[in-house]
Each structure stands twice: as structure tokens, then as C-alpha cells.
Amino acid sequence: MAKKNNINRERKIGNQVIEKKPAMDPKLKSTIWTVITIIVLLVFFIINNTRTEPEEGPYPPNYVPSQSSSIK
């Protein structure tokens, strides 16, 4: 006769939902995305403000400058 293993195992009856554990804590994930977004925005801000402005070109044809209100 075959040996019976008398190990106390919990019987699984019915459908059990297996909970998926996230790879990273949601709070930590949110903090990481916030930091990445701030760094990208900071880089764009620095690049935008360190470039030289283009030289001014000629006025378009038929351009009439507005009259100033100061009296000469």
C-alpha cells in the first residue's frame, strides 16, 4: 500500500483570485514620474533661455508703423 503524506495542507475550494503585486509601490512610482517631469521641464527652460535670439530682419512689405502718442 502506498504511503500517505500527512501534511496539513489547506485545501483550495472554488475560484480564488490571485492578487497581482505591483513591481513598484504606487506612491514611489508617482514620485519618480513627478521628478522626471520636473527635470525635463527644467532642461527645456534652461535651453530656451540660454540660446541667442535671432537677428531682426526687415519689415514686411506695405508695413506701416503705428503712430506714437508722444508730442515732439
N, C-alpha and C. Protein backbone atom coordinates (compact mmCIF):
# COMPACT_ATOMS: atom_id res chain seq x y z
N MET A 1 0.82 -1.17 0.00
CA MET A 1 0.00 0.00 0.00
C MET A 1 0.88 1.25 0.00
N ALA A 2 0.40 2.27 -0.69
CA ALA A 2 1.17 3.49 -0.81
C ALA A 2 1.13 4.29 0.48
N LYS A 3 2.24 5.01 0.71
CA LYS A 3 2.29 5.83 1.91
C LYS A 3 1.46 7.08 1.72
N LYS A 4 0.81 7.49 2.75
CA LYS A 4 0.06 8.75 2.72
C LYS A 4 0.89 9.81 3.43
N ASN A 5 0.99 10.95 2.76
CA ASN A 5 1.68 12.08 3.39
C ASN A 5 0.67 12.82 4.26
N ASN A 6 0.95 12.87 5.52
CA ASN A 6 0.05 13.56 6.44
C ASN A 6 0.53 14.99 6.68
N ILE A 7 0.61 15.74 5.61
CA ILE A 7 0.99 17.15 5.73
C ILE A 7 -0.30 17.96 5.75
N ASN A 8 -0.39 18.85 6.71
CA ASN A 8 -1.60 19.68 6.81
C ASN A 8 -1.55 20.76 5.73
N ARG A 9 -2.23 20.49 4.64
CA ARG A 9 -2.31 21.47 3.57
C ARG A 9 -3.70 22.07 3.56
N GLU A 10 -3.72 23.34 3.18
CA GLU A 10 -5.00 24.00 3.10
C GLU A 10 -5.61 23.67 1.76
N ARG A 11 -6.82 23.16 1.77
CA ARG A 11 -7.48 22.80 0.52
C ARG A 11 -8.02 24.05 -0.15
N LYS A 12 -7.83 24.13 -1.44
CA LYS A 12 -8.32 25.26 -2.20
C LYS A 12 -9.61 24.85 -2.88
N ILE A 13 -10.69 25.46 -2.42
CA ILE A 13 -12.00 25.12 -2.96
C ILE A 13 -12.56 26.36 -3.65
N GLY A 14 -13.01 26.19 -4.88
CA GLY A 14 -13.61 27.30 -5.62
C GLY A 14 -12.56 28.14 -6.33
N ASN A 15 -13.03 29.22 -6.92
CA ASN A 15 -12.13 30.11 -7.64
C ASN A 15 -11.50 31.11 -6.67
N GLN A 16 -10.21 31.16 -6.69
CA GLN A 16 -9.52 32.14 -5.87
C GLN A 16 -8.86 33.15 -6.79
N VAL A 17 -9.00 34.40 -6.43
CA VAL A 17 -8.42 35.47 -7.22
C VAL A 17 -6.97 35.65 -6.77
N ILE A 18 -6.07 35.55 -7.70
CA ILE A 18 -4.66 35.75 -7.39
C ILE A 18 -4.38 37.24 -7.50
N GLU A 19 -3.97 37.83 -6.41
CA GLU A 19 -3.69 39.27 -6.39
C GLU A 19 -2.33 39.52 -7.03
N LYS A 20 -2.32 40.45 -7.99
CA LYS A 20 -1.06 40.82 -8.61
C LYS A 20 -0.41 41.92 -7.78
N LYS A 21 0.79 41.66 -7.37
CA LYS A 21 1.51 42.66 -6.60
C LYS A 21 2.25 43.56 -7.59
N PRO A 22 2.11 44.87 -7.45
CA PRO A 22 2.83 45.76 -8.37
C PRO A 22 4.34 45.65 -8.14
N ALA A 23 5.09 45.84 -9.21
CA ALA A 23 6.54 45.73 -9.12
C ALA A 23 7.12 46.85 -8.26
N MET A 24 6.41 47.99 -8.25
CA MET A 24 6.90 49.14 -7.51
C MET A 24 5.73 49.74 -6.73
N ASP A 25 6.01 50.30 -5.59
CA ASP A 25 4.97 50.93 -4.78
C ASP A 25 4.37 52.10 -5.56
N PRO A 26 3.04 52.21 -5.64
CA PRO A 26 2.41 53.29 -6.42
C PRO A 26 2.83 54.69 -5.98
N LYS A 27 3.03 54.91 -4.69
CA LYS A 27 3.47 56.23 -4.23
C LYS A 27 4.86 56.54 -4.75
N LEU A 28 5.74 55.55 -4.72
CA LEU A 28 7.10 55.75 -5.19
C LEU A 28 7.09 55.97 -6.71
N LYS A 29 6.25 55.25 -7.41
CA LYS A 29 6.14 55.39 -8.86
C LYS A 29 5.67 56.80 -9.22
N SER A 30 4.70 57.31 -8.50
CA SER A 30 4.20 58.66 -8.74
C SER A 30 5.29 59.70 -8.47
N THR A 31 6.05 59.51 -7.43
CA THR A 31 7.13 60.44 -7.10
C THR A 31 8.20 60.42 -8.17
N ILE A 32 8.53 59.25 -8.68
CA ILE A 32 9.55 59.14 -9.73
C ILE A 32 9.09 59.86 -10.98
N TRP A 33 7.83 59.68 -11.40
CA TRP A 33 7.33 60.36 -12.61
C TRP A 33 7.29 61.87 -12.40
N THR A 34 6.97 62.32 -11.21
CA THR A 34 6.95 63.76 -10.92
C THR A 34 8.35 64.34 -11.04
N VAL A 35 9.34 63.66 -10.48
CA VAL A 35 10.72 64.14 -10.54
C VAL A 35 11.22 64.16 -11.99
N ILE A 36 10.91 63.13 -12.76
CA ILE A 36 11.33 63.08 -14.17
C ILE A 36 10.70 64.23 -14.94
N THR A 37 9.42 64.51 -14.71
CA THR A 37 8.73 65.59 -15.40
C THR A 37 9.35 66.95 -15.06
N ILE A 38 9.65 67.17 -13.79
CA ILE A 38 10.25 68.43 -13.37
C ILE A 38 11.63 68.60 -13.99
N ILE A 39 12.42 67.53 -14.05
CA ILE A 39 13.76 67.61 -14.64
C ILE A 39 13.67 67.93 -16.12
N VAL A 40 12.75 67.30 -16.85
CA VAL A 40 12.59 67.57 -18.28
C VAL A 40 12.17 69.02 -18.51
N LEU A 41 11.21 69.51 -17.72
CA LEU A 41 10.78 70.91 -17.85
C LEU A 41 11.92 71.88 -17.53
N LEU A 42 12.71 71.56 -16.54
CA LEU A 42 13.85 72.41 -16.17
C LEU A 42 14.88 72.45 -17.29
N VAL A 43 15.14 71.31 -17.93
CA VAL A 43 16.09 71.26 -19.04
C VAL A 43 15.58 72.12 -20.20
N PHE A 44 14.28 72.00 -20.55
CA PHE A 44 13.72 72.82 -21.62
C PHE A 44 13.79 74.31 -21.27
N PHE A 45 13.53 74.66 -20.02
CA PHE A 45 13.60 76.06 -19.59
C PHE A 45 15.01 76.61 -19.75
N ILE A 46 16.00 75.83 -19.34
CA ILE A 46 17.40 76.28 -19.45
C ILE A 46 17.81 76.41 -20.91
N ILE A 47 17.45 75.44 -21.73
CA ILE A 47 17.81 75.51 -23.15
C ILE A 47 17.14 76.71 -23.81
N ASN A 48 15.90 76.97 -23.49
CA ASN A 48 15.16 78.08 -24.10
C ASN A 48 15.76 79.43 -23.72
N ASN A 49 16.25 79.56 -22.51
CA ASN A 49 16.74 80.86 -22.04
C ASN A 49 18.23 81.07 -22.25
N THR A 50 18.95 80.09 -22.72
CA THR A 50 20.38 80.28 -22.95
C THR A 50 20.72 80.46 -24.42
N ARG A 51 19.76 80.26 -25.30
CA ARG A 51 20.02 80.46 -26.72
C ARG A 51 20.07 81.94 -27.03
N THR A 52 20.80 82.29 -28.09
CA THR A 52 20.81 83.68 -28.52
C THR A 52 19.58 83.94 -29.38
N GLU A 53 19.08 85.15 -29.30
CA GLU A 53 17.89 85.48 -30.07
C GLU A 53 18.29 85.78 -31.50
N PRO A 54 17.43 85.43 -32.46
CA PRO A 54 17.78 85.69 -33.86
C PRO A 54 17.82 87.20 -34.15
N GLU A 55 18.60 87.54 -35.13
CA GLU A 55 18.71 88.94 -35.54
C GLU A 55 17.38 89.40 -36.12
N GLU A 56 17.09 90.69 -35.95
CA GLU A 56 15.85 91.22 -36.50
C GLU A 56 16.01 91.42 -38.00
N GLY A 57 15.02 91.00 -38.75
CA GLY A 57 15.05 91.13 -40.19
C GLY A 57 14.31 92.36 -40.66
N PRO A 58 14.19 92.54 -41.95
CA PRO A 58 13.49 93.71 -42.49
C PRO A 58 11.98 93.58 -42.25
N TYR A 59 11.32 94.74 -42.27
CA TYR A 59 9.87 94.73 -42.11
C TYR A 59 9.22 94.12 -43.34
N PRO A 60 8.02 93.56 -43.21
CA PRO A 60 7.33 93.01 -44.37
C PRO A 60 6.88 94.14 -45.31
N PRO A 61 6.61 93.81 -46.56
CA PRO A 61 6.18 94.87 -47.48
C PRO A 61 4.84 95.48 -47.04
N ASN A 62 4.66 96.75 -47.34
CA ASN A 62 3.45 97.52 -47.00
C ASN A 62 3.22 97.64 -45.49
N TYR A 63 4.27 97.58 -44.69
CA TYR A 63 4.15 97.71 -43.23
C TYR A 63 4.13 99.20 -42.88
N VAL A 64 3.15 99.60 -42.08
CA VAL A 64 3.05 100.99 -41.65
C VAL A 64 3.18 100.98 -40.13
N PRO A 65 4.25 101.54 -39.58
CA PRO A 65 4.40 101.55 -38.11
C PRO A 65 3.31 102.41 -37.47
N SER A 66 2.85 102.01 -36.30
CA SER A 66 1.79 102.75 -35.62
C SER A 66 2.36 104.06 -35.10
N GLN A 67 1.53 105.10 -35.06
CA GLN A 67 1.95 106.42 -34.59
C GLN A 67 2.00 106.41 -33.08
N SER A 68 3.05 106.96 -32.51
CA SER A 68 3.13 107.05 -31.05
C SER A 68 2.35 108.26 -30.57
N SER A 69 1.91 108.22 -29.34
CA SER A 69 1.08 109.30 -28.80
C SER A 69 1.93 110.43 -28.20
N SER A 70 3.23 110.31 -28.24
CA SER A 70 4.07 111.37 -27.66
C SER A 70 4.15 112.55 -28.61
N ILE A 71 4.21 113.77 -28.06
CA ILE A 71 4.29 115.00 -28.87
C ILE A 71 5.74 115.42 -28.94
N LYS A 72 6.20 115.74 -30.15
CA LYS A 72 7.60 116.16 -30.33
C LYS A 72 7.71 117.64 -30.42
